[in-house]
Amino acid sequence: MQSAETEVETTEKHEEKASEILARAAKLLNDAPKVYDANFELMKEQDALQQDLLHKLEIENLTRDERAKLAAELRDCRRLRRKHKDVVEELEPIAGYYGTAAGMQAVKQLSRFVGELRKVENYHQNRHYVPRFGRVKGDDQDAE
């Protein structure tokens, strides 16, 4: 017998529809290569800026205040580069998978699942009953 903690409630309403969850997953898979490429380019820009700042520090004779400003700019550059690099590292497996034939097929199949789920959810939301016999005993329409 399973404990109450591990039992799955099958009749409990979910706050988020399955189609919404799968649609977000399909969007993530679909958008990952574009987001990956954009962040990779931004990371390269920060690399170039970092090199410019380091060369400026190395070659130019700067005052203490100028060095402090340059150090703050270098710190900000490194932090921004790290953010872009983190996104690139996180999306690299997804973008790589999406680029394969199997990945593209999986996204198409997931999109089909989303469509099918939305149809079922729409049917459940708009469900109504049409009596087959006419009036049902006890209806308010009986009283005339």
Foldseek 3Di string as FASTA:
>chain_A
DDDPVPDDDPPDDDPDAPLVVLVVVLVCLVCLLVLLVVLVVLLVVLVVVLVVLVVCVVPDDDDPVVVVVSVVVNVVSVVSSVVSVVSNVVSVVSNVLCPDPVNVVVSVVSVVVSVVSVVVVVCVVPPDDDDPPPDDPPDPVVPD
